[in-house]
Protein backbone atom coordinates (compact mmCIF):
# COMPACT_ATOMS: atom_id res chain seq x y z
CA MET A 1 115.16 124.95 46.91
CA ALA A 2 118.01 123.52 44.87
CA LYS A 3 115.61 121.82 42.48
CA HIS A 4 113.91 125.18 41.85
CA GLY A 5 117.18 127.06 41.33
CA TYR A 6 117.47 128.78 44.73
CA TRP A 7 121.11 127.80 45.19
CA ASP A 8 122.11 130.67 47.50
CA GLU A 9 119.29 129.88 49.92
CA ALA A 10 120.01 126.13 49.73
CA GLU A 11 123.71 126.72 50.42
CA GLU A 12 122.89 129.02 53.32
CA ILE A 13 120.69 126.36 54.96
CA VAL A 14 123.30 123.62 54.50
CA ALA A 15 125.98 125.93 55.94
CA LYS A 16 123.85 126.66 59.03
CA ILE A 17 123.19 122.96 59.59
CA GLN A 18 126.71 121.68 58.92
CA ALA A 19 129.09 124.50 59.84
CA LYS A 20 127.35 127.30 61.80
CA GLY A 21 126.92 129.36 58.64
CA ASN A 22 130.42 128.90 57.18
CA ARG A 23 129.84 128.33 53.47
CA GLU A 24 133.52 127.54 52.84
CA ASP A 25 133.54 124.57 55.20
CA PRO A 26 134.56 121.36 53.32
CA ASP A 27 131.45 119.49 54.50
CA VAL A 28 129.25 122.23 53.07
CA VAL A 29 131.15 122.25 49.79
CA ILE A 30 130.88 118.49 49.40
CA GLU A 31 127.18 118.35 50.33
CA ILE A 32 126.23 121.11 47.88
CA SER A 33 128.23 119.36 45.17
CA GLU A 34 126.44 116.07 45.95
CA ILE A 35 123.07 117.82 45.73
CA LYS A 36 124.00 119.24 42.33
CA GLU A 37 125.18 115.83 41.14
CA GLN A 38 122.00 114.11 42.36
CA ILE A 39 119.77 116.65 40.61
CA LEU A 40 121.71 116.15 37.37
CA ILE A 41 121.38 112.36 37.75
CA GLU A 42 117.63 112.63 38.28
CA GLU A 43 117.24 114.84 35.22
CA ASN A 44 119.35 112.42 33.19
CA ASN A 45 117.31 109.44 34.42
CA LYS A 46 114.08 111.10 33.32
CA SER A 47 115.44 111.57 29.81
CA PHE A 48 116.69 107.96 29.55
CA THR A 49 114.16 105.74 27.75
CA TYR A 50 113.60 101.99 27.64
CA ALA A 51 114.48 102.03 23.95
CA GLN A 52 118.00 103.22 24.81
CA LEU A 53 118.62 99.96 26.67
CA PHE A 54 118.81 98.27 23.28
CA ASN A 55 121.08 100.73 21.48
CA ARG A 56 124.68 99.91 20.66
CA LYS A 57 126.08 101.13 23.99
CA TYR A 58 123.71 99.27 26.30
CA ARG A 59 122.49 96.20 24.40
CA PHE A 60 125.10 93.81 25.84
CA ARG A 61 124.50 95.07 29.36
CA THR A 62 120.77 94.61 28.90
CA PHE A 63 121.23 91.12 27.46
CA THR A 64 123.52 90.14 30.34
CA ALA A 65 121.14 91.43 33.03
CA VAL A 66 118.07 89.84 31.43
CA MET A 67 119.82 86.50 30.97
CA ALA A 68 121.13 86.62 34.54
CA GLN A 69 117.56 86.80 35.81
CA VAL A 70 116.34 84.18 33.33
CA TRP A 71 119.14 81.80 34.35
CA GLN A 72 118.28 82.31 38.00
CA GLN A 73 114.84 80.87 37.31
CA MET A 74 116.19 78.12 35.05
CA THR A 75 118.31 76.75 37.89
CA GLY A 76 115.15 74.91 38.93
CA MET A 77 115.11 76.49 42.36
CA ASN A 78 111.45 77.39 42.25
CA VAL A 79 110.63 73.87 41.11
CA MET A 80 112.32 72.69 44.29
CA MET A 81 110.45 75.23 46.41
CA TYR A 82 106.98 75.42 44.83
CA TYR A 83 106.62 71.68 44.28
CA ILE A 84 108.76 70.31 47.11
CA VAL A 85 105.82 68.24 48.42
CA TYR A 86 105.55 66.50 45.03
CA ILE A 87 109.29 65.87 44.96
CA PHE A 88 109.28 64.26 48.38
CA GLN A 89 106.27 62.15 47.39
CA MET A 90 108.43 60.84 44.54
CA ALA A 91 111.04 59.99 47.17
CA GLY A 92 108.44 58.00 49.08
CA TYR A 93 107.60 60.48 51.84
CA SER A 94 104.02 61.26 52.83
CA GLY A 95 102.02 62.80 55.65
CA ASN A 96 103.83 64.57 58.48
CA SER A 97 107.26 63.27 57.42
CA ASN A 98 106.78 65.05 54.09
CA LEU A 99 105.80 68.31 55.77
CA VAL A 100 108.74 68.20 58.19
CA ALA A 101 111.23 67.45 55.41
CA SER A 102 109.77 70.27 53.33
CA SER A 103 109.99 72.73 56.23
CA ILE A 104 113.67 71.94 56.75
CA GLN A 105 114.34 72.96 53.16
CA TYR A 106 112.82 76.41 53.73
CA VAL A 107 114.90 76.89 56.87
CA LEU A 108 118.07 75.98 54.97
CA ASN A 109 117.16 78.44 52.24
CA THR A 110 116.83 81.26 54.77
CA VAL A 111 119.90 80.48 56.85
CA THR A 112 122.33 79.96 53.95
CA THR A 113 121.32 83.23 52.33
CA VAL A 114 123.28 85.16 54.96
CA PRO A 115 126.83 83.91 54.10
CA SER A 116 126.37 84.85 50.45
CA LEU A 117 126.57 88.54 51.32
CA TRP A 118 130.07 87.99 52.69
CA LEU A 119 131.15 85.47 50.06
CA PHE A 120 130.41 87.75 47.12
CA ASP A 121 132.76 90.43 48.43
CA LYS A 122 135.36 87.87 49.48
CA LEU A 123 135.49 85.62 46.41
CA GLY A 124 134.02 87.82 43.70
CA ARG A 125 130.87 87.57 41.64
CA ARG A 126 132.08 85.36 38.80
CA LYS A 127 133.66 82.63 40.92
CA LEU A 128 130.63 82.28 43.13
CA LEU A 129 128.14 82.29 40.25
CA ILE A 130 130.10 79.68 38.28
CA GLY A 131 130.67 77.52 41.36
CA GLY A 132 127.00 77.74 42.32
CA ALA A 133 125.84 76.80 38.82
CA LEU A 134 128.09 73.75 38.67
CA SER A 135 127.06 72.63 42.17
CA MET A 136 123.39 72.91 41.31
CA MET A 137 123.99 71.00 38.09
CA ALA A 138 125.59 68.14 40.03
CA PHE A 139 122.72 67.88 42.51
CA GLN A 140 120.06 68.07 39.78
CA PHE A 141 121.78 65.22 37.91
CA ALA A 142 122.00 63.29 41.18
CA VAL A 143 118.26 63.65 41.88
CA ALA A 144 117.46 62.57 38.32
CA GLY A 145 119.84 59.61 38.55
CA ILE A 146 118.48 58.35 41.86
CA LEU A 147 114.84 58.70 40.86
CA GLY A 148 115.48 57.24 37.42
CA GLY A 149 117.32 54.24 38.80
CA THR A 150 115.25 53.38 41.86
CA SER A 151 111.70 54.70 41.45
CA SER A 152 108.72 52.68 40.28
CA PRO A 153 105.58 53.76 38.37
CA ALA A 154 102.85 55.00 40.69
CA ASN A 155 99.59 56.87 40.55
CA ILE A 156 99.82 58.99 43.68
CA SER A 157 98.17 61.97 42.01
CA GLU A 158 97.63 63.46 38.58
CA THR A 159 101.08 65.04 38.86
CA VAL A 160 103.14 62.47 40.80
CA ARG A 161 103.52 59.32 38.68
CA ILE A 162 106.64 57.73 40.23
CA THR A 163 107.84 56.95 43.75
CA ILE A 164 110.64 55.14 45.55
CA VAL A 165 109.41 52.01 47.31
CA ASN A 166 111.26 50.10 50.04
CA ASN A 167 114.58 51.79 49.40
CA PRO A 168 115.33 54.16 52.33
CA PRO A 169 118.93 54.97 51.23
CA ALA A 170 117.73 56.13 47.82
CA ALA A 171 114.92 58.19 49.37
CA LYS A 172 117.35 59.83 51.78
CA GLY A 173 119.72 60.46 48.88
CA VAL A 174 117.03 62.40 47.01
CA ILE A 175 116.26 64.47 50.10
CA ALA A 176 119.95 65.17 50.75
CA CYS A 177 120.51 66.28 47.14
CA CYS A 178 117.48 68.59 47.34
CA TYR A 179 118.84 70.15 50.52
CA LEU A 180 122.32 70.58 49.06
CA PHE A 181 120.85 72.08 45.91
CA VAL A 182 118.97 74.68 47.96
CA VAL A 183 122.11 75.52 49.93
CA SER A 184 124.05 75.94 46.66
CA PHE A 185 121.39 78.27 45.27
CA ALA A 186 120.81 80.37 48.38
CA SER A 187 124.52 81.03 48.93
CA THR A 188 125.19 81.99 45.30
CA TRP A 189 122.49 82.80 42.75
CA GLY A 190 119.73 83.46 45.27
CA VAL A 191 121.03 86.81 46.50
CA GLY A 192 124.02 87.39 44.26
CA ILE A 193 122.16 87.79 41.00
CA TRP A 194 120.14 90.72 42.36
CA LEU A 195 123.33 92.38 43.51
CA TYR A 196 125.03 91.70 40.19
CA CYS A 197 122.14 93.07 38.11
CA SER A 198 122.28 96.34 40.04
CA GLU A 199 126.02 96.77 39.38
CA ILE A 200 126.62 95.89 35.74
CA TRP A 201 125.07 98.95 34.11
CA GLY A 202 128.02 101.24 34.75
CA ASP A 203 125.93 104.41 35.23
CA SER A 204 122.87 105.58 37.11
CA ALA A 205 120.88 106.64 34.05
CA SER A 206 120.33 103.13 32.72
CA ARG A 207 120.13 101.29 36.04
CA GLN A 208 116.53 102.05 36.94
CA ARG A 209 114.96 101.02 33.65
CA GLY A 210 117.48 98.23 33.14
CA ALA A 211 116.65 96.74 36.52
CA ALA A 212 112.95 96.96 35.69
CA VAL A 213 113.39 95.06 32.40
CA SER A 214 115.60 92.34 33.91
CA THR A 215 113.26 91.87 36.88
CA ALA A 216 110.30 91.58 34.51
CA ALA A 217 112.18 88.80 32.69
CA ASN A 218 112.69 87.01 36.01
CA TRP A 219 108.98 86.98 36.84
CA ILE A 220 107.87 86.07 33.33
CA VAL A 221 110.07 82.97 33.41
CA ASN A 222 108.99 82.28 37.00
CA PHE A 223 105.36 82.24 35.85
CA ALA A 224 106.18 79.97 32.91
CA ILE A 225 108.03 77.48 35.13
CA ALA A 226 105.22 77.42 37.68
CA MET A 227 102.73 76.58 34.91
CA TYR A 228 104.96 74.06 33.11
CA THR A 229 106.34 72.00 35.99
CA PRO A 230 103.23 69.94 36.91
CA SER A 231 102.92 68.84 33.26
CA SER A 232 106.59 67.94 33.10
CA PHE A 233 106.35 65.85 36.29
CA LYS A 234 103.32 64.11 34.83
CA ASN A 235 104.78 63.38 31.39
CA ILE A 236 108.56 63.01 31.79
CA THR A 237 108.77 62.48 35.60
CA TRP A 238 112.44 62.36 36.72
CA LYS A 239 113.73 63.63 33.36
CA THR A 240 112.50 67.07 34.40
CA TYR A 241 115.63 67.44 36.51
CA LEU A 242 117.85 66.75 33.50
CA ILE A 243 116.48 69.87 31.81
CA TYR A 244 117.42 72.10 34.72
CA ALA A 245 120.78 70.38 35.18
CA CYS A 246 121.65 71.18 31.56
CA CYS A 247 120.52 74.77 32.11
CA CYS A 248 122.86 75.01 35.11
CA PHE A 249 125.77 73.92 32.92
CA ALA A 250 124.79 76.41 30.21
CA MET A 251 124.62 79.25 32.71
CA ALA A 252 128.08 78.41 34.08
CA VAL A 253 129.46 78.67 30.54
CA HIS A 254 127.60 81.94 29.98
CA VAL A 255 128.94 83.45 33.20
CA TYR A 256 132.51 82.52 32.23
CA PHE A 257 132.29 84.05 28.75
CA GLY A 258 129.73 86.83 29.26
CA PHE A 259 129.58 88.09 32.87
CA PRO A 260 132.34 90.62 33.68
CA GLU A 261 133.59 90.84 37.25
CA THR A 262 132.18 93.81 39.20
CA LYS A 263 133.77 93.16 42.59
CA GLY A 264 135.52 96.25 43.96
CA LYS A 265 134.81 98.36 40.87
CA ARG A 266 133.11 101.74 40.75
CA LEU A 267 130.25 102.38 38.35
CA GLU A 268 132.58 104.48 36.17
CA GLU A 269 135.05 101.61 35.92
CA ILE A 270 132.31 99.14 35.00
CA GLY A 271 131.17 101.56 32.30
CA GLN A 272 134.73 101.74 30.95
CA MET A 273 134.90 97.96 30.95
CA TRP A 274 131.81 97.69 28.73
CA ASP A 275 132.91 100.53 26.46
CA GLU A 276 136.33 98.96 25.90
CA GLY A 277 134.88 95.50 25.27
CA VAL A 278 136.97 93.78 27.94
CA PRO A 279 136.46 89.97 27.74
CA ALA A 280 134.59 88.71 30.80
CA TRP A 281 137.27 86.15 31.67
CA ARG A 282 139.87 88.94 31.85
CA SER A 283 137.75 91.42 33.76
CA SER A 284 138.98 90.37 37.23
CA SER A 285 142.52 91.55 36.50
CA TRP A 286 141.53 94.52 34.31
CA THR A 287 142.49 98.03 35.39
CA PRO A 288 140.82 101.18 34.03
CA SER A 289 142.65 103.10 31.33
CA ILE A 290 141.14 106.35 32.61
CA PRO A 291 141.87 106.77 36.34
CA VAL A 292 138.84 107.12 38.59
CA LEU A 293 139.25 109.58 41.46
CA SER A 294 139.17 108.31 45.03
CA ASP A 295 136.71 109.83 47.50
CA ALA A 296 139.43 112.06 48.98
CA GLN A 297 140.59 113.24 45.54
CA LEU A 298 136.99 113.87 44.52
CA ALA A 299 136.33 115.95 47.65
CA SER A 300 139.49 117.97 47.03
CA LYS A 301 138.53 118.54 43.41
CA LEU A 302 135.00 119.60 44.34
CA SER A 303 136.38 122.03 46.92
CA ALA A 304 138.74 123.54 44.34
CA GLN A 305 135.93 123.83 41.81
CA HIS A 306 133.72 125.48 44.40
CA GLN A 307 136.40 128.06 45.24
CA GLU A 308 136.97 128.73 41.55
CA ASN A 309 133.24 129.19 40.99
CA ALA A 310 133.01 131.49 44.00
CA THR A 311 135.88 133.63 42.62
CA GLU A 312 134.22 133.86 39.22
CA GLU A 313 130.95 134.86 40.91
CA LEU A 314 132.71 137.66 42.83
CA ILE A 315 134.36 138.93 39.65
CA HIS A 316 131.01 138.82 37.88
CA ARG A 317 129.32 140.76 40.68
CA SER A 318 132.14 143.29 40.68
CA ASP A 319 131.83 143.80 36.92
CA SER A 320 128.07 144.21 37.27
CA SER A 321 128.57 146.86 39.97
CA ASN A 322 131.07 148.77 37.83
CA GLU A 323 128.67 148.73 34.91
CA LYS A 324 125.90 150.15 37.10
CA VAL A 325 128.25 152.92 38.35
């Protein structure tokens, strides 16, 4: 009814549901105001185009969200997951021992995803993303170093051209670094980047299309990595990990200089942060120059506005009656 302009009927129904027909009840006032706001948001979202993501106001937000999803893929996580059997063959594992070791990695990925939901609200987005990137960098370098220093040429398959022979400590070291890498990813970039990319827009109008563009970037790079990795294992073997380790370092630098902190901030505050050009490394301590109302203040304001509108409506009806007389 509200979408079609039948506000009196909509308000009457809400009042019967929430307050036994009392239209002045605060719950009724707030719910009607929320309905109005949601309808305005939907209308605004329909008018927002993909081209607007690249105008002066939104281009840095779009770049940050797209790069966040690209960096998530360039951590090398999906190399570790898609081609884990190849990696463990390089470490000298085969048969059932390879399958068991691979299965453990998937369990770790699932279990360590849960703490990230708590850590992001406890420590903040920037700290966890930077810490995760540096941890993953260290473990990627470690895998490359162990394989580069202890593996021998082999012809296990068209893809796997090296393996560790008669060196159990080195093989276990590779496996341990792979596990620790997965834990570092799952507890930081695995979940956190999706949360972050939903927060950084600063308004609801750009979020839908912005999320679509950034997610598309994620899957495009995912596809490219899936196609490229077998060739890289075949041609540069252990040096593949050096590429992703360097990417992890680059993303840590990018987060420090280009990812503003969104922890504990409302969408309006995040929008102010972008509009004022607050440096990312100062965003954690930044306070908005334009105060944002709390929920209680907003409810009070909406109630006052509703009463004012109701008074104006009564005056208008009274004037109309006088004119008819």
